[in-house]
Amino acid sequence: MQIRPPIVTVLGHVDHGKTTLIGAIRKVDMTSREAGGITQSIGASVVTTKEGKKVTFIDTPGHALFTQMRSRGAKVCDIAILVVDASDGVKPQTLEALQLIKEAGMPFIVAITKIDLPAADIEMVLGQLEKQGILFEGRGGNTPYLGISAKTGKGITELLEMVTLVSEVSEIKGDSKSSLLAVVIETSKEKGGLTVSLVVRDGTLRVGDTLYAEKSECKVRGLFDYQGKGVKEILPGEPGQILGFSVLPDVGSVISTDKSLIKESVKVATKKDQFKKIKEDELPVILKAKNVGALEALESSLPPKVIVVNSSVGDVLESDILMAKSTGSRIFAYDTGISNSVLKLAEAEKVKAYKFQIIYELIDKLQEILAGGKEEVLGKAEIIASFPFNDKKVAGCKVTNGKIVKTANLYLERGGKEVGRIKVLSLKKAKQEVMEVKPGEEFGILFEPQLDFTIGDVIVSVAK
């Protein structure tokens, strides 16, 4: 066993600067800059510190990828960076990320981002996290924290130094001579064939190796490093991309040169994937998306009462149909394919599978199913402006689909979730009171109760 580069994931609330932080970290890496920058994203990248030490970052930050890997019994990450916005503080997804980190038993560093903003309050963030049982260095505990500004670059070098320090204290090691043990972090279909991005934890991945996955096996025809350059081998702690699979393995699954290791990982995954009992008013679904980023965007937008039985990247497969049948789930595919043979199987097994190119249409369908057909959606309008009127506010809107009817039931929606029911007091188009507005038309609406709406919220009109 030898010291290897630590594998790091970035978790935290949406819009708290996870992706921006990774971009800032990559900018300080002089090695990749001299090489002309990264030409091809494979889902992970390697950063070299000024001391010459390497750190592997999973490029797609978020809970969906991490949860997938954990649910399949795969351990890929060694250290987590928990990102919290200094001006926004701890949010629901921050707490969700913290729970994931605790369950995984991983060492972690708190990166308090956007400290360049006037509203930044590091003490507020520390206090909120301490209420969650986190004890920080210098404050009675040993969890490290840093203030970061991805915009100015402040704290980025110190964060990398902290990652390498935590790695050394945790004695992160790998055995380059053992059987290969790697975890899939991304899959895609390219012109050259099916590509699988992975991170090696143990062993050495070489061109010509025979690899085994849960559903398939392959002989490595091509091997590339994180910059898309052809290489002969990938060592422990490093990411790579391979060509050779005829059937894409699931993201989060284990790949090895030893079949027995795959069997063990499947046993763990089976044990972890015991489905909880679905309540009568809940909707069990299986989600499929083109990539991990799309999958996370979808999962973060789901209405209440939607229970995700399983989620994965890639086309809908026969195994997804069979899982849907056994769990009583429906399949929702976002920006990915369903072959005719799979559709025929779904029809034969009486499994409902839906395909969408637009995420909002998918969410609308979920809401329609949850409503049980009791409410017919007549139309939707996005709030694009707000105007004061006496002591109230008028919402300036534009109809995005269908029509908004004054006498219909209306509700305010935010992020795919209902905020509250509203009643129209006034509906005007070009200063004229109207009974309805149609697609593409702009209008002003005064409603009660005066819910605290914001630009980007959606007004939904449903039949009575």
Foldseek 3Di string as FASTA:
>chain_A
DFQDAFEEAEFEDPPLQRLLLVVLLQVQQVVQVVVVHFDDAQQKDWGAAPVRGIHIYRNDHYDLLLVLLVLLQHDDGQEYEQGAEQQPAHDPRSVVVVVSCVVVVHQYAYEHEPCVDPNGHPVRNVVVVVVVVDAEVVRPDDHHYDYAYSVVSPPSSVVVVVSVVVSVVVVQDEEQQDWWKKAWAKWAADPVGTKTKIATAYHKDFQQQWKDWLPDIWHFPFKAFRSRDTDGIDGHNGMIMTDTDPDDHWHSTIMTSDPVVNVVSNVSSVVSLPDDDQDPLAAEEEEEEQISNVVRLLVQLAEPRYHYSYYTYAEDDLVNLVVCLVRVHAYEYEHHYDDPVSVVSNVVSVHHYYYYPDSVVVLVVNVCVSVVVPKDWQFKWFFADWDDDPPAIKTKIATAAGKAFQPFWKFKADSSYTPGTKHWPFKAFPNHTDGMDHHGGIIITDIPPRDPDDGGIMMIGIHD
